[in-house]
Structure formats: C-alpha cells, structure tokens
Amino acid sequence: MKELIIAFGLFLFIEGILYALFPAKMKNMLKKIDMFENSQLRSGGLFFAVIGFLIVWYVKN
C-alpha cells in the first residue's frame, strides 16, 4: 500500500511540474485532445496502462 501512495505522489509531482513549467503548451495539448476519437484515447490509455503495469511488475520481481 505504501508503494501505491508513493506512486500516486510521484504522478502528481510530475503532472504538477509539467503544468508549472509549460502552462501554455499544456493548455494547447488539452485543446487538441478534442481532435481524437474516443476509441483512440481508449486505446492509448490501455496501452500506457499495460506498459506501466509491466514496468511495475518488472521492478517488483
């Protein structure tokens, strides 16, 4: 459970740094997300979720 909380904190830290350092670019990126179909976003999200899971699994073993 401790690792999950650390991972969530790291996620928030990275997201916060991106918005703090590149606010204009982040706004532009969020505007462009409307151009993608829901299926494309779903596929991309699933892809990154699997990659993230594999990284965590590899590191833990």
PDB file of N, CA and C in Angstrom:
ATOM      1  N   MET A   1       0.823  -1.201   0.000  1.00  0.00           N
ATOM      2  CA  MET A   1       0.000   0.000   0.000  1.00  0.00           C
ATOM      3  C   MET A   1       0.863   1.258   0.000  1.00  0.00           C
ATOM      4  N   LYS A   2       1.988   1.173   0.712  1.00  0.00           N
ATOM      5  CA  LYS A   2       2.883   2.321   0.782  1.00  0.00           C
ATOM      6  C   LYS A   2       3.416   2.683  -0.607  1.00  0.00           C
ATOM      7  N   GLU A   3       3.743   1.655  -1.409  1.00  0.00           N
ATOM      8  CA  GLU A   3       4.252   1.891  -2.760  1.00  0.00           C
ATOM      9  C   GLU A   3       3.208   2.572  -3.636  1.00  0.00           C
ATOM     10  N   LEU A   4       1.938   2.205  -3.463  1.00  0.00           N
ATOM     11  CA  LEU A   4       0.869   2.807  -4.240  1.00  0.00           C
ATOM     12  C   LEU A   4       0.743   4.299  -3.922  1.00  0.00           C
ATOM     13  N   ILE A   5       0.847   4.644  -2.670  1.00  0.00           N
ATOM     14  CA  ILE A   5       0.772   6.051  -2.258  1.00  0.00           C
ATOM     15  C   ILE A   5       1.971   6.822  -2.795  1.00  0.00           C
ATOM     16  N   ILE A   6       3.157   6.204  -2.759  1.00  0.00           N
ATOM     17  CA  ILE A   6       4.353   6.846  -3.307  1.00  0.00           C
ATOM     18  C   ILE A   6       4.198   7.053  -4.809  1.00  0.00           C
ATOM     19  N   ALA A   7       3.687   6.049  -5.516  1.00  0.00           N
ATOM     20  CA  ALA A   7       3.491   6.155  -6.963  1.00  0.00           C
ATOM     21  C   ALA A   7       2.494   7.260  -7.292  1.00  0.00           C
ATOM     22  N   PHE A   8       1.423   7.360  -6.529  1.00  0.00           N
ATOM     23  CA  PHE A   8       0.436   8.412  -6.765  1.00  0.00           C
ATOM     24  C   PHE A   8       1.039   9.787  -6.509  1.00  0.00           C
ATOM     25  N   GLY A   9       1.828   9.912  -5.460  1.00  0.00           N
ATOM     26  CA  GLY A   9       2.506  11.168  -5.175  1.00  0.00           C
ATOM     27  C   GLY A   9       3.476  11.553  -6.281  1.00  0.00           C
ATOM     28  N   LEU A  10       4.187  10.579  -6.817  1.00  0.00           N
ATOM     29  CA  LEU A  10       5.111  10.836  -7.919  1.00  0.00           C
ATOM     30  C   LEU A  10       4.352  11.267  -9.163  1.00  0.00           C
ATOM     31  N   PHE A  11       3.215  10.640  -9.438  1.00  0.00           N
ATOM     32  CA  PHE A  11       2.368  11.026 -10.560  1.00  0.00           C
ATOM     33  C   PHE A  11       1.923  12.477 -10.427  1.00  0.00           C
ATOM     34  N   LEU A  12       1.447  12.854  -9.252  1.00  0.00           N
ATOM     35  CA  LEU A  12       1.004  14.234  -9.026  1.00  0.00           C
ATOM     36  C   LEU A  12       2.157  15.217  -9.155  1.00  0.00           C
ATOM     37  N   PHE A  13       3.324  14.823  -8.665  1.00  0.00           N
ATOM     38  CA  PHE A  13       4.507  15.675  -8.763  1.00  0.00           C
ATOM     39  C   PHE A  13       4.864  15.938 -10.226  1.00  0.00           C
ATOM     40  N   ILE A  14       4.905  14.888 -11.037  1.00  0.00           N
ATOM     41  CA  ILE A  14       5.266  15.037 -12.446  1.00  0.00           C
ATOM     42  C   ILE A  14       4.229  15.876 -13.180  1.00  0.00           C
ATOM     43  N   GLU A  15       2.954  15.603 -12.936  1.00  0.00           N
ATOM     44  CA  GLU A  15       1.900  16.404 -13.570  1.00  0.00           C
ATOM     45  C   GLU A  15       2.021  17.876 -13.164  1.00  0.00           C
ATOM     46  N   GLY A  16       2.242  18.121 -11.905  1.00  0.00           N
ATOM     47  CA  GLY A  16       2.356  19.494 -11.415  1.00  0.00           C
ATOM     48  C   GLY A  16       3.537  20.224 -12.022  1.00  0.00           C
ATOM     49  N   ILE A  17       4.669  19.547 -12.145  1.00  0.00           N
ATOM     50  CA  ILE A  17       5.857  20.149 -12.743  1.00  0.00           C
ATOM     51  C   ILE A  17       5.593  20.523 -14.200  1.00  0.00           C
ATOM     52  N   LEU A  18       4.918  19.638 -14.938  1.00  0.00           N
ATOM     53  CA  LEU A  18       4.618  19.936 -16.348  1.00  0.00           C
ATOM     54  C   LEU A  18       3.762  21.185 -16.479  1.00  0.00           C
ATOM     55  N   TYR A  19       2.726  21.299 -15.644  1.00  0.00           N
ATOM     56  CA  TYR A  19       1.864  22.481 -15.698  1.00  0.00           C
ATOM     57  C   TYR A  19       2.591  23.731 -15.215  1.00  0.00           C
ATOM     58  N   ALA A  20       3.496  23.583 -14.261  1.00  0.00           N
ATOM     59  CA  ALA A  20       4.228  24.742 -13.749  1.00  0.00           C
ATOM     60  C   ALA A  20       5.262  25.248 -14.752  1.00  0.00           C
ATOM     61  N   LEU A  21       5.926  24.335 -15.449  1.00  0.00           N
ATOM     62  CA  LEU A  21       6.986  24.729 -16.368  1.00  0.00           C
ATOM     63  C   LEU A  21       6.473  25.105 -17.757  1.00  0.00           C
ATOM     64  N   PHE A  22       5.406  24.454 -18.200  1.00  0.00           N
ATOM     65  CA  PHE A  22       4.915  24.655 -19.570  1.00  0.00           C
ATOM     66  C   PHE A  22       3.407  24.891 -19.594  1.00  0.00           C
ATOM     67  N   PRO A  23       2.909  25.946 -18.948  1.00  0.00           N
ATOM     68  CA  PRO A  23       1.456  26.125 -18.878  1.00  0.00           C
ATOM     69  C   PRO A  23       0.809  26.347 -20.250  1.00  0.00           C
ATOM     70  N   ALA A  24       1.430  27.111 -21.115  1.00  0.00           N
ATOM     71  CA  ALA A  24       0.837  27.375 -22.433  1.00  0.00           C
ATOM     72  C   ALA A  24       0.803  26.112 -23.281  1.00  0.00           C
ATOM     73  N   LYS A  25       1.883  25.340 -23.261  1.00  0.00           N
ATOM     74  CA  LYS A  25       1.924  24.101 -24.037  1.00  0.00           C
ATOM     75  C   LYS A  25       0.914  23.082 -23.511  1.00  0.00           C
ATOM     76  N   MET A  26       0.727  23.031 -22.215  1.00  0.00           N
ATOM     77  CA  MET A  26      -0.241  22.101 -21.643  1.00  0.00           C
ATOM     78  C   MET A  26      -1.659  22.495 -22.041  1.00  0.00           C
ATOM     79  N   LYS A  27      -1.951  23.797 -22.063  1.00  0.00           N
ATOM     80  CA  LYS A  27      -3.274  24.247 -22.500  1.00  0.00           C
ATOM     81  C   LYS A  27      -3.517  23.886 -23.960  1.00  0.00           C
ATOM     82  N   ASN A  28      -2.522  24.095 -24.805  1.00  0.00           N
ATOM     83  CA  ASN A  28      -2.655  23.738 -26.210  1.00  0.00           C
ATOM     84  C   ASN A  28      -2.858  22.232 -26.385  1.00  0.00           C
ATOM     85  N   MET A  29      -2.128  21.449 -25.615  1.00  0.00           N
ATOM     86  CA  MET A  29      -2.260  19.998 -25.712  1.00  0.00           C
ATOM     87  C   MET A  29      -3.668  19.556 -25.311  1.00  0.00           C
ATOM     88  N   LEU A  30      -4.207  20.156 -24.260  1.00  0.00           N
ATOM     89  CA  LEU A  30      -5.543  19.786 -23.814  1.00  0.00           C
ATOM     90  C   LEU A  30      -6.612  20.202 -24.815  1.00  0.00           C
ATOM     91  N   LYS A  31      -6.390  21.292 -25.526  1.00  0.00           N
ATOM     92  CA  LYS A  31      -7.337  21.703 -26.568  1.00  0.00           C
ATOM     93  C   LYS A  31      -7.325  20.726 -27.736  1.00  0.00           C
ATOM     94  N   LYS A  32      -6.167  20.189 -28.058  1.00  0.00           N
ATOM     95  CA  LYS A  32      -6.023  19.268 -29.190  1.00  0.00           C
ATOM     96  C   LYS A  32      -6.616  17.889 -28.908  1.00  0.00           C
ATOM     97  N   ILE A  33      -6.874  17.589 -27.654  1.00  0.00           N
ATOM     98  CA  ILE A  33      -7.387  16.269 -27.314  1.00  0.00           C
ATOM     99  C   ILE A  33      -8.786  16.046 -27.891  1.00  0.00           C
ATOM    100  N   ASP A  34      -9.503  17.136 -28.165  1.00  0.00           N
ATOM    101  CA  ASP A  34     -10.830  17.033 -28.782  1.00  0.00           C
ATOM    102  C   ASP A  34     -10.769  16.468 -30.195  1.00  0.00           C
ATOM    103  N   MET A  35      -9.616  16.554 -30.832  1.00  0.00           N
ATOM    104  CA  MET A  35      -9.472  16.072 -32.205  1.00  0.00           C
ATOM    105  C   MET A  35      -9.444  14.541 -32.282  1.00  0.00           C
ATOM    106  N   PHE A  36      -9.198  13.871 -31.187  1.00  0.00           N
ATOM    107  CA  PHE A  36      -9.086  12.411 -31.179  1.00  0.00           C
ATOM    108  C   PHE A  36     -10.448  11.768 -30.941  1.00  0.00           C
ATOM    109  N   GLU A  37     -10.639  10.627 -31.538  1.00  0.00           N
ATOM    110  CA  GLU A  37     -11.844   9.833 -31.292  1.00  0.00           C
ATOM    111  C   GLU A  37     -11.726   9.170 -29.920  1.00  0.00           C
ATOM    112  N   ASN A  38     -12.873   8.839 -29.341  1.00  0.00           N
ATOM    113  CA  ASN A  38     -12.863   8.168 -28.046  1.00  0.00           C
ATOM    114  C   ASN A  38     -12.117   6.843 -28.111  1.00  0.00           C
ATOM    115  N   SER A  39     -12.263   6.137 -29.209  1.00  0.00           N
ATOM    116  CA  SER A  39     -11.586   4.845 -29.337  1.00  0.00           C
ATOM    117  C   SER A  39     -10.066   5.013 -29.360  1.00  0.00           C
ATOM    118  N   GLN A  40      -9.577   6.098 -29.959  1.00  0.00           N
ATOM    119  CA  GLN A  40      -8.144   6.355 -29.973  1.00  0.00           C
ATOM    120  C   GLN A  40      -7.635   6.660 -28.569  1.00  0.00           C
ATOM    121  N   LEU A  41      -8.390   7.453 -27.831  1.00  0.00           N
ATOM    122  CA  LEU A  41      -7.999   7.757 -26.446  1.00  0.00           C
ATOM    123  C   LEU A  41      -8.035   6.505 -25.579  1.00  0.00           C
ATOM    124  N   ARG A  42      -9.054   5.688 -25.777  1.00  0.00           N
ATOM    125  CA  ARG A  42      -9.177   4.442 -25.013  1.00  0.00           C
ATOM    126  C   ARG A  42      -7.999   3.519 -25.316  1.00  0.00           C
ATOM    127  N   SER A  43      -7.660   3.376 -26.589  1.00  0.00           N
ATOM    128  CA  SER A  43      -6.541   2.506 -26.979  1.00  0.00           C
ATOM    129  C   SER A  43      -5.228   3.024 -26.408  1.00  0.00           C
ATOM    130  N   GLY A  44      -5.015   4.330 -26.494  1.00  0.00           N
ATOM    131  CA  GLY A  44      -3.799   4.909 -25.938  1.00  0.00           C
ATOM    132  C   GLY A  44      -3.717   4.738 -24.435  1.00  0.00           C
ATOM    133  N   GLY A  45      -4.839   4.955 -23.757  1.00  0.00           N
ATOM    134  CA  GLY A  45      -4.864   4.775 -22.305  1.00  0.00           C
ATOM    135  C   GLY A  45      -4.593   3.344 -21.904  1.00  0.00           C
ATOM    136  N   LEU A  46      -5.185   2.401 -22.636  1.00  0.00           N
ATOM    137  CA  LEU A  46      -4.950   0.989 -22.344  1.00  0.00           C
ATOM    138  C   LEU A  46      -3.490   0.616 -22.593  1.00  0.00           C
ATOM    139  N   PHE A  47      -2.935   1.119 -23.679  1.00  0.00           N
ATOM    140  CA  PHE A  47      -1.533   0.852 -23.997  1.00  0.00           C
ATOM    141  C   PHE A  47      -0.617   1.330 -22.869  1.00  0.00           C
ATOM    142  N   PHE A  48      -0.800   2.568 -22.432  1.00  0.00           N
ATOM    143  CA  PHE A  48       0.057   3.103 -21.375  1.00  0.00           C
ATOM    144  C   PHE A  48      -0.188   2.420 -20.033  1.00  0.00           C
ATOM    145  N   ALA A  49      -1.424   2.009 -19.774  1.00  0.00           N
ATOM    146  CA  ALA A  49      -1.705   1.271 -18.541  1.00  0.00           C
ATOM    147  C   ALA A  49      -0.965  -0.061 -18.534  1.00  0.00           C
ATOM    148  N   VAL A  50      -0.975  -0.762 -19.658  1.00  0.00           N
ATOM    149  CA  VAL A  50      -0.270  -2.046 -19.741  1.00  0.00           C
ATOM    150  C   VAL A  50       1.229  -1.844 -19.609  1.00  0.00           C
ATOM    151  N   ILE A  51       1.775  -0.838 -20.285  1.00  0.00           N
ATOM    152  CA  ILE A  51       3.214  -0.554 -20.183  1.00  0.00           C
ATOM    153  C   ILE A  51       3.578  -0.217 -18.731  1.00  0.00           C
ATOM    154  N   GLY A  52       2.775   0.617 -18.094  1.00  0.00           N
ATOM    155  CA  GLY A  52       3.029   0.962 -16.694  1.00  0.00           C
ATOM    156  C   GLY A  52       2.971  -0.244 -15.788  1.00  0.00           C
ATOM    157  N   PHE A  53       1.980  -1.120 -16.017  1.00  0.00           N
ATOM    158  CA  PHE A  53       1.881  -2.342 -15.220  1.00  0.00           C
ATOM    159  C   PHE A  53       3.111  -3.216 -15.415  1.00  0.00           C
ATOM    160  N   LEU A  54       3.552  -3.366 -16.661  1.00  0.00           N
ATOM    161  CA  LEU A  54       4.720  -4.215 -16.937  1.00  0.00           C
ATOM    162  C   LEU A  54       5.982  -3.650 -16.291  1.00  0.00           C
ATOM    163  N   ILE A  55       6.124  -2.324 -16.282  1.00  0.00           N
ATOM    164  CA  ILE A  55       7.286  -1.712 -15.636  1.00  0.00           C
ATOM    165  C   ILE A  55       7.262  -1.990 -14.138  1.00  0.00           C
ATOM    166  N   VAL A  56       6.108  -1.785 -13.511  1.00  0.00           N
ATOM    167  CA  VAL A  56       5.992  -2.037 -12.068  1.00  0.00           C
ATOM    168  C   VAL A  56       6.235  -3.510 -11.767  1.00  0.00           C
ATOM    169  N   TRP A  57       5.661  -4.392 -12.568  1.00  0.00           N
ATOM    170  CA  TRP A  57       5.841  -5.843 -12.365  1.00  0.00           C
ATOM    171  C   TRP A  57       7.298  -6.236 -12.498  1.00  0.00           C
ATOM    172  N   TYR A  58       7.973  -5.681 -13.507  1.00  0.00           N
ATOM    173  CA  TYR A  58       9.389  -5.995 -13.728  1.00  0.00           C
ATOM    174  C   TYR A  58      10.258  -5.521 -12.564  1.00  0.00           C
ATOM    175  N   VAL A  59       9.993  -4.311 -12.081  1.00  0.00           N
ATOM    176  CA  VAL A  59      10.789  -3.755 -10.998  1.00  0.00           C
ATOM    177  C   VAL A  59      10.545  -4.505  -9.692  1.00  0.00           C
ATOM    178  N   LYS A  60       9.306  -4.912  -9.458  1.00  0.00           N
ATOM    179  CA  LYS A  60       8.976  -5.606  -8.210  1.00  0.00           C
ATOM    180  C   LYS A  60       9.531  -7.028  -8.173  1.00  0.00           C
ATOM    181  N   ASN A  61       9.792  -7.626  -9.340  1.00  0.00           N
ATOM    182  CA  ASN A  61      10.306  -9.015  -9.375  1.00  0.00           C
ATOM    183  C   ASN A  61      11.754  -9.060  -9.552  1.00  0.00           C
TER     184      ASN A  61
END
